[in-house]
Every structure is written in structure tokens, then in C-alpha cells.
PDB file of N, CA and C in Angstrom:
ATOM      1  N   UNK A   1      -4.077  -1.999 -23.587  1.00  0.00           N
ATOM      2  CA  UNK A   1      -4.118  -2.183 -21.962  1.00  0.00           C
ATOM      3  C   UNK A   1      -5.001  -3.393 -21.954  1.00  0.00           C
ATOM      4  N   UNK A   2      -5.052  -2.976 -21.115  1.00  0.00           N
ATOM      5  CA  UNK A   2      -5.981  -4.238 -20.330  1.00  0.00           C
ATOM      6  C   UNK A   2      -6.274  -3.551 -18.304  1.00  0.00           C
ATOM      7  N   UNK A   3      -7.371  -4.535 -17.781  1.00  0.00           N
ATOM      8  CA  UNK A   3      -8.276  -4.202 -17.028  1.00  0.00           C
ATOM      9  C   UNK A   3      -7.299  -4.962 -15.866  1.00  0.00           C
ATOM     10  N   UNK A   4      -7.525  -3.532 -14.908  1.00  0.00           N
ATOM     11  CA  UNK A   4      -7.392  -4.458 -13.247  1.00  0.00           C
ATOM     12  C   UNK A   4      -7.322  -5.286 -13.016  1.00  0.00           C
ATOM     13  N   UNK A   5      -6.107  -5.454 -12.870  1.00  0.00           N
ATOM     14  CA  UNK A   5      -6.575  -6.986 -12.344  1.00  0.00           C
ATOM     15  C   UNK A   5      -5.205  -7.044 -10.940  1.00  0.00           C
ATOM     16  N   UNK A   6      -5.396  -7.937  -9.953  1.00  0.00           N
ATOM     17  CA  UNK A   6      -4.946  -7.658  -9.138  1.00  0.00           C
ATOM     18  C   UNK A   6      -5.443  -8.753  -8.443  1.00  0.00           C
ATOM     19  N   UNK A   7      -5.679  -9.789  -8.624  1.00  0.00           N
ATOM     20  CA  UNK A   7      -5.789 -11.667  -8.518  1.00  0.00           C
ATOM     21  C   UNK A   7      -4.380 -11.651  -7.608  1.00  0.00           C
ATOM     22  N   UNK A   8      -4.320 -13.147  -6.089  1.00  0.00           N
ATOM     23  CA  UNK A   8      -3.088 -13.145  -6.358  1.00  0.00           C
ATOM     24  C   UNK A   8      -3.575 -15.036  -5.904  1.00  0.00           C
ATOM     25  N   UNK A   9      -2.533 -16.122  -7.137  1.00  0.00           N
ATOM     26  CA  UNK A   9      -2.329 -17.395  -6.236  1.00  0.00           C
ATOM     27  C   UNK A   9      -1.375 -17.840  -5.897  1.00  0.00           C
ATOM     28  N   UNK A  10      -0.864 -18.472  -5.351  1.00  0.00           N
ATOM     29  CA  UNK A  10       0.210 -19.377  -5.122  1.00  0.00           C
ATOM     30  C   UNK A  10       0.327 -21.302  -4.682  1.00  0.00           C
ATOM     31  N   UNK A  11       0.727 -22.126  -5.784  1.00  0.00           N
ATOM     32  CA  UNK A  11       1.222 -22.823  -5.000  1.00  0.00           C
ATOM     33  C   UNK A  11       1.889 -23.520  -5.272  1.00  0.00           C
ATOM     34  N   UNK A  12       2.126 -24.601  -3.860  1.00  0.00           N
ATOM     35  CA  UNK A  12       3.255 -25.086  -2.971  1.00  0.00           C
ATOM     36  C   UNK A  12       2.975 -26.924  -2.956  1.00  0.00           C
ATOM     37  N   UNK A  13       3.898 -27.046  -2.466  1.00  0.00           N
ATOM     38  CA  UNK A  13       4.034 -28.905  -2.156  1.00  0.00           C
ATOM     39  C   UNK A  13       2.800 -29.409  -1.935  1.00  0.00           C
ATOM     40  N   UNK A  14       2.031 -28.175  -0.333  1.00  0.00           N
ATOM     41  CA  UNK A  14       0.333 -28.906   0.136  1.00  0.00           C
ATOM     42  C   UNK A  14      -0.304 -28.095  -0.387  1.00  0.00           C
ATOM     43  N   UNK A  15      -0.576 -27.253  -1.258  1.00  0.00           N
ATOM     44  CA  UNK A  15      -1.610 -26.389  -1.392  1.00  0.00           C
ATOM     45  C   UNK A  15      -1.614 -25.381  -2.336  1.00  0.00           C
ATOM     46  N   UNK A  16      -2.493 -24.370  -2.619  1.00  0.00           N
ATOM     47  CA  UNK A  16      -2.570 -23.415  -3.186  1.00  0.00           C
ATOM     48  C   UNK A  16      -3.561 -22.324  -2.502  1.00  0.00           C
ATOM     49  N   UNK A  17      -3.062 -21.030  -2.397  1.00  0.00           N
ATOM     50  CA  UNK A  17      -3.874 -20.489  -1.727  1.00  0.00           C
ATOM     51  C   UNK A  17      -4.109 -18.928  -3.041  1.00  0.00           C
ATOM     52  N   UNK A  18      -5.896 -19.025  -3.449  1.00  0.00           N
ATOM     53  CA  UNK A  18      -6.172 -18.116  -4.323  1.00  0.00           C
ATOM     54  C   UNK A  18      -6.756 -16.276  -3.341  1.00  0.00           C
ATOM     55  N   UNK A  19      -5.958 -15.164  -4.100  1.00  0.00           N
ATOM     56  CA  UNK A  19      -6.009 -14.024  -3.769  1.00  0.00           C
ATOM     57  C   UNK A  19      -7.762 -13.672  -4.468  1.00  0.00           C
ATOM     58  N   UNK A  20      -8.864 -12.820  -3.813  1.00  0.00           N
ATOM     59  CA  UNK A  20      -9.340 -12.163  -5.142  1.00  0.00           C
ATOM     60  C   UNK A  20      -9.090 -11.103  -5.395  1.00  0.00           C
ATOM     61  N   UNK A  21      -9.169  -9.842  -6.331  1.00  0.00           N
ATOM     62  CA  UNK A  21      -9.419  -9.033  -6.636  1.00  0.00           C
ATOM     63  C   UNK A  21      -9.196  -7.657  -5.776  1.00  0.00           C
ATOM     64  N   UNK A  22      -9.988  -8.453  -4.676  1.00  0.00           N
ATOM     65  CA  UNK A  22      -9.759  -6.582  -3.856  1.00  0.00           C
ATOM     66  C   UNK A  22      -8.751  -7.733  -2.705  1.00  0.00           C
ATOM     67  N   UNK A  23      -8.097  -8.469  -3.126  1.00  0.00           N
ATOM     68  CA  UNK A  23      -7.797  -8.510  -1.366  1.00  0.00           C
ATOM     69  C   UNK A  23      -6.273  -7.508  -1.290  1.00  0.00           C
ATOM     70  N   UNK A  24      -6.170  -6.709  -2.511  1.00  0.00           N
ATOM     71  CA  UNK A  24      -4.806  -5.423  -2.214  1.00  0.00           C
ATOM     72  C   UNK A  24      -5.446  -3.899  -1.494  1.00  0.00           C
ATOM     73  N   UNK A  25      -6.577  -4.318  -1.536  1.00  0.00           N
ATOM     74  CA  UNK A  25      -7.464  -2.764  -0.849  1.00  0.00           C
ATOM     75  C   UNK A  25      -7.565  -2.905  -0.054  1.00  0.00           C
ATOM     76  N   UNK A  26      -6.659  -1.555   0.731  1.00  0.00           N
ATOM     77  CA  UNK A  26      -7.089  -1.624   2.260  1.00  0.00           C
ATOM     78  C   UNK A  26      -7.909  -0.881   2.746  1.00  0.00           C
ATOM     79  N   UNK A  27      -8.905  -1.363   3.077  1.00  0.00           N
ATOM     80  CA  UNK A  27     -10.277  -1.018   3.935  1.00  0.00           C
ATOM     81  C   UNK A  27     -10.245  -2.518   5.062  1.00  0.00           C
ATOM     82  N   UNK A  28     -11.787  -1.561   6.541  1.00  0.00           N
ATOM     83  CA  UNK A  28     -11.157  -2.122   7.056  1.00  0.00           C
ATOM     84  C   UNK A  28     -13.062  -3.453   7.821  1.00  0.00           C
ATOM     85  N   UNK A  29     -12.318  -4.012   6.118  1.00  0.00           N
ATOM     86  CA  UNK A  29     -13.650  -4.745   6.785  1.00  0.00           C
ATOM     87  C   UNK A  29     -12.852  -6.597   6.407  1.00  0.00           C
ATOM     88  N   UNK A  30     -13.734  -7.497   6.425  1.00  0.00           N
ATOM     89  CA  UNK A  30     -12.932  -8.897   6.837  1.00  0.00           C
ATOM     90  C   UNK A  30     -12.524  -8.585   5.054  1.00  0.00           C
ATOM     91  N   UNK A  31     -11.719  -9.855   5.083  1.00  0.00           N
ATOM     92  CA  UNK A  31     -10.954 -10.641   3.797  1.00  0.00           C
ATOM     93  C   UNK A  31     -11.150 -11.751   3.384  1.00  0.00           C
ATOM     94  N   UNK A  32     -11.123 -11.861   2.062  1.00  0.00           N
ATOM     95  CA  UNK A  32     -11.589 -13.358   2.042  1.00  0.00           C
ATOM     96  C   UNK A  32     -10.744 -14.258   1.070  1.00  0.00           C
ATOM     97  N   UNK A  33     -10.478 -15.284   1.120  1.00  0.00           N
ATOM     98  CA  UNK A  33      -9.018 -16.061   0.644  1.00  0.00           C
ATOM     99  C   UNK A  33      -9.673 -17.738   0.365  1.00  0.00           C
ATOM    100  N   UNK A  34      -9.332 -18.393  -0.295  1.00  0.00           N
ATOM    101  CA  UNK A  34      -9.386 -19.390  -0.873  1.00  0.00           C
ATOM    102  C   UNK A  34      -8.481 -19.965  -1.029  1.00  0.00           C
ATOM    103  N   UNK A  35      -7.983 -21.552   0.472  1.00  0.00           N
ATOM    104  CA  UNK A  35      -7.470 -21.869   0.714  1.00  0.00           C
ATOM    105  C   UNK A  35      -7.540 -23.523  -0.510  1.00  0.00           C
ATOM    106  N   UNK A  36      -6.686 -24.651  -0.638  1.00  0.00           N
ATOM    107  CA  UNK A  36      -6.810 -25.359  -1.419  1.00  0.00           C
ATOM    108  C   UNK A  36      -5.318 -26.511  -1.226  1.00  0.00           C
ATOM    109  N   UNK A  37      -5.944 -27.671  -0.143  1.00  0.00           N
ATOM    110  CA  UNK A  37      -4.945 -29.242   0.408  1.00  0.00           C
ATOM    111  C   UNK A  37      -4.555 -30.147  -1.229  1.00  0.00           C
ATOM    112  N   UNK A  38      -3.667 -30.381  -1.307  1.00  0.00           N
ATOM    113  CA  UNK A  38      -2.917 -30.228  -2.162  1.00  0.00           C
ATOM    114  C   UNK A  38      -3.837 -31.688  -2.859  1.00  0.00           C
ATOM    115  N   UNK A  39      -4.086 -31.822  -4.553  1.00  0.00           N
ATOM    116  CA  UNK A  39      -5.174 -33.257  -4.859  1.00  0.00           C
ATOM    117  C   UNK A  39      -6.264 -32.885  -4.692  1.00  0.00           C
ATOM    118  N   UNK A  40      -6.805 -31.434  -3.650  1.00  0.00           N
ATOM    119  CA  UNK A  40      -8.124 -31.202  -4.170  1.00  0.00           C
ATOM    120  C   UNK A  40      -8.640 -30.789  -5.202  1.00  0.00           C
ATOM    121  N   UNK A  41     -10.103 -30.958  -5.861  1.00  0.00           N
ATOM    122  CA  UNK A  41      -9.748 -29.783  -7.337  1.00  0.00           C
ATOM    123  C   UNK A  41     -11.309 -28.132  -6.223  1.00  0.00           C
ATOM    124  N   UNK A  42     -11.708 -28.784  -4.796  1.00  0.00           N
ATOM    125  CA  UNK A  42     -11.985 -27.613  -4.225  1.00  0.00           C
ATOM    126  C   UNK A  42     -12.120 -27.324  -2.528  1.00  0.00           C
ATOM    127  N   UNK A  43     -11.559 -25.610  -3.163  1.00  0.00           N
ATOM    128  CA  UNK A  43     -11.230 -25.249  -2.113  1.00  0.00           C
ATOM    129  C   UNK A  43     -12.610 -25.235  -0.404  1.00  0.00           C
ATOM    130  N   UNK A  44     -11.649 -24.413   0.190  1.00  0.00           N
ATOM    131  CA  UNK A  44     -11.859 -23.651   1.507  1.00  0.00           C
ATOM    132  C   UNK A  44     -12.112 -22.511   1.646  1.00  0.00           C
ATOM    133  N   UNK A  45     -13.636 -21.783   1.468  1.00  0.00           N
ATOM    134  CA  UNK A  45     -13.393 -20.197   1.892  1.00  0.00           C
ATOM    135  C   UNK A  45     -13.140 -19.661   2.892  1.00  0.00           C
ATOM    136  N   UNK A  46     -12.116 -18.416   3.559  1.00  0.00           N
ATOM    137  CA  UNK A  46     -11.468 -18.240   4.330  1.00  0.00           C
ATOM    138  C   UNK A  46     -11.503 -16.761   5.058  1.00  0.00           C
ATOM    139  N   UNK A  47     -11.708 -16.479   6.012  1.00  0.00           N
ATOM    140  CA  UNK A  47     -11.994 -15.324   6.001  1.00  0.00           C
ATOM    141  C   UNK A  47     -10.660 -14.374   7.079  1.00  0.00           C
ATOM    142  N   UNK A  48     -10.887 -13.612   7.150  1.00  0.00           N
ATOM    143  CA  UNK A  48      -9.556 -12.756   8.404  1.00  0.00           C
ATOM    144  C   UNK A  48     -10.101 -11.606   8.684  1.00  0.00           C
ATOM    145  N   UNK A  49     -10.228 -10.772   9.433  1.00  0.00           N
ATOM    146  CA  UNK A  49     -10.813 -10.292   9.691  1.00  0.00           C
ATOM    147  C   UNK A  49     -10.362  -8.625   9.122  1.00  0.00           C
ATOM    148  N   UNK A  50     -10.636  -7.439   9.243  1.00  0.00           N
ATOM    149  CA  UNK A  50     -10.124  -6.185   8.371  1.00  0.00           C
ATOM    150  C   UNK A  50      -9.360  -6.010   9.111  1.00  0.00           C
ATOM    151  N   UNK A  51      -8.861  -4.802   8.331  1.00  0.00           N
ATOM    152  CA  UNK A  51      -8.138  -3.943   8.938  1.00  0.00           C
ATOM    153  C   UNK A  51      -7.458  -2.928   7.350  1.00  0.00           C
ATOM    154  N   UNK A  52      -7.040  -1.766   8.910  1.00  0.00           N
ATOM    155  CA  UNK A  52      -6.008  -0.729   7.924  1.00  0.00           C
ATOM    156  C   UNK A  52      -4.604  -1.239   7.524  1.00  0.00           C
ATOM    157  N   UNK A  53      -3.798  -1.873   6.715  1.00  0.00           N
ATOM    158  CA  UNK A  53      -2.564  -2.209   6.477  1.00  0.00           C
ATOM    159  C   UNK A  53      -2.189  -1.204   6.587  1.00  0.00           C
ATOM    160  N   UNK A  54      -2.620   0.526   6.116  1.00  0.00           N
ATOM    161  CA  UNK A  54      -1.666   1.327   6.114  1.00  0.00           C
ATOM    162  C   UNK A  54      -1.467   2.292   7.603  1.00  0.00           C
ATOM    163  N   UNK A  55      -2.713   1.755   8.355  1.00  0.00           N
ATOM    164  CA  UNK A  55      -2.186   2.469   9.612  1.00  0.00           C
ATOM    165  C   UNK A  55      -1.199   1.450  10.553  1.00  0.00           C
ATOM    166  N   UNK A  56      -2.769   0.481  10.537  1.00  0.00           N
ATOM    167  CA  UNK A  56      -0.744  -0.751  10.835  1.00  0.00           C
ATOM    168  C   UNK A  56       0.512  -0.686  10.574  1.00  0.00           C
ATOM    169  N   UNK A  57       0.878  -0.059   9.591  1.00  0.00           N
ATOM    170  CA  UNK A  57       2.502  -0.370   9.070  1.00  0.00           C
ATOM    171  C   UNK A  57       2.616   1.608   9.824  1.00  0.00           C
ATOM    172  N   UNK A  58       2.166   1.872  10.036  1.00  0.00           N
ATOM    173  CA  UNK A  58       2.548   3.075  10.211  1.00  0.00           C
ATOM    174  C   UNK A  58       2.583   3.060  11.437  1.00  0.00           C
ATOM    175  N   UNK A  59       2.289   2.528  12.310  1.00  0.00           N
ATOM    176  CA  UNK A  59       1.377   2.399  14.154  1.00  0.00           C
ATOM    177  C   UNK A  59       2.404   1.714  15.091  1.00  0.00           C
ATOM    178  N   UNK A  60       2.915   0.723  13.410  1.00  0.00           N
ATOM    179  CA  UNK A  60       3.750  -0.814  14.010  1.00  0.00           C
ATOM    180  C   UNK A  60       5.785   0.047  13.398  1.00  0.00           C
ATOM    181  N   UNK A  61       5.626   1.093  12.079  1.00  0.00           N
ATOM    182  CA  UNK A  61       7.124   1.718  12.047  1.00  0.00           C
ATOM    183  C   UNK A  61       7.407   3.048  14.273  1.00  0.00           C
ATOM    184  N   UNK A  62       6.462   3.389  14.221  1.00  0.00           N
ATOM    185  CA  UNK A  62       5.550   3.895  15.488  1.00  0.00           C
ATOM    186  C   UNK A  62       6.844   3.827  16.190  1.00  0.00           C
ATOM    187  N   UNK A  63       5.976   2.846  16.706  1.00  0.00           N
ATOM    188  CA  UNK A  63       6.337   1.677  18.306  1.00  0.00           C
ATOM    189  C   UNK A  63       8.079   1.210  18.074  1.00  0.00           C
ATOM    190  N   UNK A  64       8.510   0.683  17.149  1.00  0.00           N
ATOM    191  CA  UNK A  64       9.819   0.676  16.486  1.00  0.00           C
ATOM    192  C   UNK A  64      10.604   2.145  17.066  1.00  0.00           C
ATOM    193  N   UNK A  65      10.460   2.787  16.449  1.00  0.00           N
ATOM    194  CA  UNK A  65      11.366   4.566  16.430  1.00  0.00           C
ATOM    195  C   UNK A  65      11.349   4.651  18.330  1.00  0.00           C
ATOM    196  N   UNK A  66      10.014   4.305  18.756  1.00  0.00           N
ATOM    197  CA  UNK A  66       9.816   4.501  20.152  1.00  0.00           C
ATOM    198  C   UNK A  66      11.356   4.077  21.321  1.00  0.00           C
ATOM    199  N   UNK A  67      10.828   2.913  20.436  1.00  0.00           N
ATOM    200  CA  UNK A  67      11.871   1.583  21.355  1.00  0.00           C
ATOM    201  C   UNK A  67      10.826   0.278  22.083  1.00  0.00           C
ATOM    202  N   UNK A  68       9.514   0.333  21.304  1.00  0.00           N
ATOM    203  CA  UNK A  68       8.676  -0.274  21.921  1.00  0.00           C
ATOM    204  C   UNK A  68       8.641  -1.588  21.610  1.00  0.00           C
ATOM    205  N   UNK A  69       9.728  -2.046  20.265  1.00  0.00           N
ATOM    206  CA  UNK A  69       9.645  -3.747  20.371  1.00  0.00           C
ATOM    207  C   UNK A  69      10.194  -3.291  18.140  1.00  0.00           C
ATOM    208  N   UNK A  70      10.754  -4.018  18.000  1.00  0.00           N
ATOM    209  CA  UNK A  70      11.733  -4.612  17.203  1.00  0.00           C
ATOM    210  C   UNK A  70      10.724  -5.046  15.376  1.00  0.00           C
ATOM    211  N   UNK A  71      11.363  -4.450  13.902  1.00  0.00           N
ATOM    212  CA  UNK A  71      10.655  -4.649  13.555  1.00  0.00           C
ATOM    213  C   UNK A  71      10.045  -5.570  12.413  1.00  0.00           C
ATOM    214  N   UNK A  72       9.325  -5.214  12.096  1.00  0.00           N
ATOM    215  CA  UNK A  72       9.041  -6.920  11.627  1.00  0.00           C
ATOM    216  C   UNK A  72       8.783  -7.067   9.825  1.00  0.00           C
ATOM    217  N   UNK A  73       9.583  -6.470   9.715  1.00  0.00           N
ATOM    218  CA  UNK A  73      10.566  -6.725   8.189  1.00  0.00           C
ATOM    219  C   UNK A  73      11.264  -5.941   8.712  1.00  0.00           C
ATOM    220  N   UNK A  74      13.124  -5.824   8.440  1.00  0.00           N
ATOM    221  CA  UNK A  74      14.366  -5.684   8.809  1.00  0.00           C
ATOM    222  C   UNK A  74      14.583  -5.121   7.444  1.00  0.00           C
ATOM    223  N   UNK A  75      15.026  -3.807   7.616  1.00  0.00           N
ATOM    224  CA  UNK A  75      15.539  -2.683   6.560  1.00  0.00           C
ATOM    225  C   UNK A  75      16.520  -3.399   5.438  1.00  0.00           C
ATOM    226  N   UNK A  76      17.122  -4.346   6.102  1.00  0.00           N
ATOM    227  CA  UNK A  76      18.337  -5.673   4.546  1.00  0.00           C
ATOM    228  C   UNK A  76      16.293  -6.267   3.408  1.00  0.00           C
ATOM    229  N   UNK A  77      15.997  -6.567   4.179  1.00  0.00           N
ATOM    230  CA  UNK A  77      14.773  -7.544   2.987  1.00  0.00           C
ATOM    231  C   UNK A  77      14.017  -6.120   2.630  1.00  0.00           C
ATOM    232  N   UNK A  78      13.670  -5.023   3.177  1.00  0.00           N
ATOM    233  CA  UNK A  78      13.207  -4.401   2.738  1.00  0.00           C
ATOM    234  C   UNK A  78      13.753  -3.450   0.980  1.00  0.00           C
ATOM    235  N   UNK A  79      15.086  -3.207   1.475  1.00  0.00           N
ATOM    236  CA  UNK A  79      15.966  -2.597   0.163  1.00  0.00           C
ATOM    237  C   UNK A  79      15.675  -3.878  -1.208  1.00  0.00           C
ATOM    238  N   UNK A  80      15.947  -5.018  -0.602  1.00  0.00           N
ATOM    239  CA  UNK A  80      15.444  -6.261  -1.942  1.00  0.00           C
ATOM    240  C   UNK A  80      14.848  -5.921  -2.305  1.00  0.00           C
ATOM    241  N   UNK A  81      13.619  -6.092  -1.507  1.00  0.00           N
ATOM    242  CA  UNK A  81      12.123  -5.920  -2.245  1.00  0.00           C
ATOM    243  C   UNK A  81      12.431  -4.857  -3.405  1.00  0.00           C
ATOM    244  N   UNK A  82      12.738  -3.997  -2.541  1.00  0.00           N
ATOM    245  CA  UNK A  82      13.127  -2.371  -3.360  1.00  0.00           C
ATOM    246  C   UNK A  82      13.673  -2.882  -4.896  1.00  0.00           C
ATOM    247  N   UNK A  83      15.159  -3.530  -4.884  1.00  0.00           N
ATOM    248  CA  UNK A  83      15.746  -3.588  -5.825  1.00  0.00           C
ATOM    249  C   UNK A  83      15.038  -4.648  -6.819  1.00  0.00           C
ATOM    250  N   UNK A  84      13.380  -5.516  -6.481  1.00  0.00           N
ATOM    251  CA  UNK A  84      12.972  -6.931  -6.962  1.00  0.00           C
ATOM    252  C   UNK A  84      12.381  -5.948  -8.584  1.00  0.00           C
ATOM    253  N   UNK A  85      11.827  -5.176  -7.288  1.00  0.00           N
ATOM    254  CA  UNK A  85      10.773  -3.774  -7.887  1.00  0.00           C
ATOM    255  C   UNK A  85      10.777  -3.476  -9.156  1.00  0.00           C
ATOM    256  N   UNK A  86      12.404  -1.999  -8.357  1.00  0.00           N
ATOM    257  CA  UNK A  86      12.585  -1.830  -9.882  1.00  0.00           C
ATOM    258  C   UNK A  86      13.078  -2.979 -10.943  1.00  0.00           C
ATOM    259  N   UNK A  87      13.696  -3.931 -10.443  1.00  0.00           N
ATOM    260  CA  UNK A  87      14.491  -5.140 -11.791  1.00  0.00           C
ATOM    261  C   UNK A  87      13.043  -5.342 -12.684  1.00  0.00           C
ATOM    262  N   UNK A  88      12.611  -5.574 -12.066  1.00  0.00           N
ATOM    263  CA  UNK A  88      10.841  -6.222 -12.493  1.00  0.00           C
ATOM    264  C   UNK A  88      10.104  -4.870 -13.498  1.00  0.00           C
ATOM    265  N   UNK A  89      10.069  -3.104 -12.815  1.00  0.00           N
ATOM    266  CA  UNK A  89      10.266  -2.145 -13.919  1.00  0.00           C
ATOM    267  C   UNK A  89      10.248  -2.032 -15.127  1.00  0.00           C
ATOM    268  N   UNK A  90      11.664  -2.214 -14.941  1.00  0.00           N
ATOM    269  CA  UNK A  90      13.141  -2.113 -16.474  1.00  0.00           C
ATOM    270  C   UNK A  90      12.512  -3.231 -16.722  1.00  0.00           C
ATOM    271  N   UNK A  91      12.019  -4.459 -16.454  1.00  0.00           N
ATOM    272  CA  UNK A  91      12.526  -5.412 -17.292  1.00  0.00           C
ATOM    273  C   UNK A  91      10.587  -6.068 -17.991  1.00  0.00           C
ATOM    274  N   UNK A  92       9.569  -4.994 -17.611  1.00  0.00           N
ATOM    275  CA  UNK A  92       8.544  -4.530 -17.854  1.00  0.00           C
ATOM    276  C   UNK A  92       9.018  -3.412 -18.837  1.00  0.00           C
ATOM    277  N   UNK A  93       9.441  -2.263 -19.089  1.00  0.00           N
ATOM    278  CA  UNK A  93       9.235  -1.004 -19.910  1.00  0.00           C
ATOM    279  C   UNK A  93      10.531  -1.269 -20.867  1.00  0.00           C
ATOM    280  N   UNK A  94      11.593  -2.132 -20.516  1.00  0.00           N
ATOM    281  CA  UNK A  94      12.401  -2.738 -21.982  1.00  0.00           C
ATOM    282  C   UNK A  94      11.685  -3.983 -22.306  1.00  0.00           C
ATOM    283  N   UNK A  95      10.836  -4.365 -21.851  1.00  0.00           N
ATOM    284  CA  UNK A  95      10.158  -5.480 -22.337  1.00  0.00           C
ATOM    285  C   UNK A  95      12.202  -7.210 -22.630  1.00  0.00           C
ATOM    286  N   UNK A  96      12.244  -6.379 -21.947  1.00  0.00           N
ATOM    287  CA  UNK A  96      13.422  -8.159 -21.508  1.00  0.00           C
ATOM    288  C   UNK A  96      13.991  -8.301 -20.140  1.00  0.00           C
ATOM    289  N   UNK A  97      14.827  -9.704 -19.756  1.00  0.00           N
ATOM    290  CA  UNK A  97      14.914  -9.621 -18.932  1.00  0.00           C
ATOM    291  C   UNK A  97      15.841  -9.326 -18.025  1.00  0.00           C
ATOM    292  N   UNK A  98      15.842  -9.860 -17.016  1.00  0.00           N
ATOM    293  CA  UNK A  98      16.465  -8.351 -15.991  1.00  0.00           C
ATOM    294  C   UNK A  98      16.995  -8.920 -14.975  1.00  0.00           C
ATOM    295  N   UNK A  99      18.252  -8.844 -14.661  1.00  0.00           N
ATOM    296  CA  UNK A  99      17.854  -9.847 -12.939  1.00  0.00           C
ATOM    297  C   UNK A  99      18.719  -9.141 -12.309  1.00  0.00           C
ATOM    298  N   UNK A 100      18.146  -9.176 -10.776  1.00  0.00           N
ATOM    299  CA  UNK A 100      18.319  -7.815  -9.900  1.00  0.00           C
ATOM    300  C   UNK A 100      19.536  -8.046  -9.690  1.00  0.00           C
ATOM    301  N   UNK A 101      20.588  -7.237  -9.640  1.00  0.00           N
ATOM    302  CA  UNK A 101      21.990  -6.651  -8.890  1.00  0.00           C
ATOM    303  C   UNK A 101      21.200  -6.536  -7.121  1.00  0.00           C
ATOM    304  N   UNK A 102      22.047  -7.399  -5.954  1.00  0.00           N
ATOM    305  CA  UNK A 102      21.311  -6.833  -4.714  1.00  0.00           C
ATOM    306  C   UNK A 102      22.745  -7.402  -4.658  1.00  0.00           C
ATOM    307  N   UNK A 103      22.279  -5.579  -3.867  1.00  0.00           N
ATOM    308  CA  UNK A 103      23.454  -4.870  -2.728  1.00  0.00           C
ATOM    309  C   UNK A 103      24.180  -6.775  -1.495  1.00  0.00           C
ATOM    310  N   UNK A 104      25.372  -6.676  -1.375  1.00  0.00           N
ATOM    311  CA  UNK A 104      26.187  -7.266  -0.371  1.00  0.00           C
ATOM    312  C   UNK A 104      26.231  -7.501   0.813  1.00  0.00           C
ATOM    313  N   UNK A 105      26.081  -8.012   1.459  1.00  0.00           N
ATOM    314  CA  UNK A 105      26.631  -7.706   3.214  1.00  0.00           C
ATOM    315  C   UNK A 105      25.176  -8.561   3.475  1.00  0.00           C
TER     316      UNK A 105
END
């Protein structure tokens, strides 16, 4: 068993973003992340205003149900995310490669 680890790093052609361990914990204090430009060793620490992400999701959904705006994430995208997560869980459980089977349409 290993220690809890929830960091995230994303690298692309223009640079990279690194999020610290506590980036995914919902709370109402500011969040920090590091952004590095391509070919730069030193990154720039950036701040994002704090928010309760779960409250924001529920409020957004409630507005959509009341017809006060559309959904930011379509139901089809949510289903695809769940299929991918199910495949990851199965791959970890069975220690093998699993290819997600996305619904057509």
C-alpha cells in the first residue's frame, strides 16, 4: 500500500501545468498551481479563487433543470467519462489492459 497521492501534471506542446496534492479537495480557499512555458525550467505559481466545487455543480444542475441555462457537460460526455473510469477500475483490479467500450451514437 502506498501513501495517498492526488497530484496531477499535464504536459503539452506549449508547456506544462502541475497541481499539488490538495488541488482536488473542495474548500473555499484559493487553489495554487504551477504553469511552465515550453523549454522553461522554472514555473510560475498561479492562484485561483477558492470555491466549493460541489455546491457550484449542484447549483449549475439546478439552474439547468429550471431551464435557466444549458449544461456545461453533456450527458453523453458524462457517460463516456464513467465508461473510462469503469475500465480503469477493472484494469487495476485485474492487473491487465482494458479498452473502454463506449456506446455508439
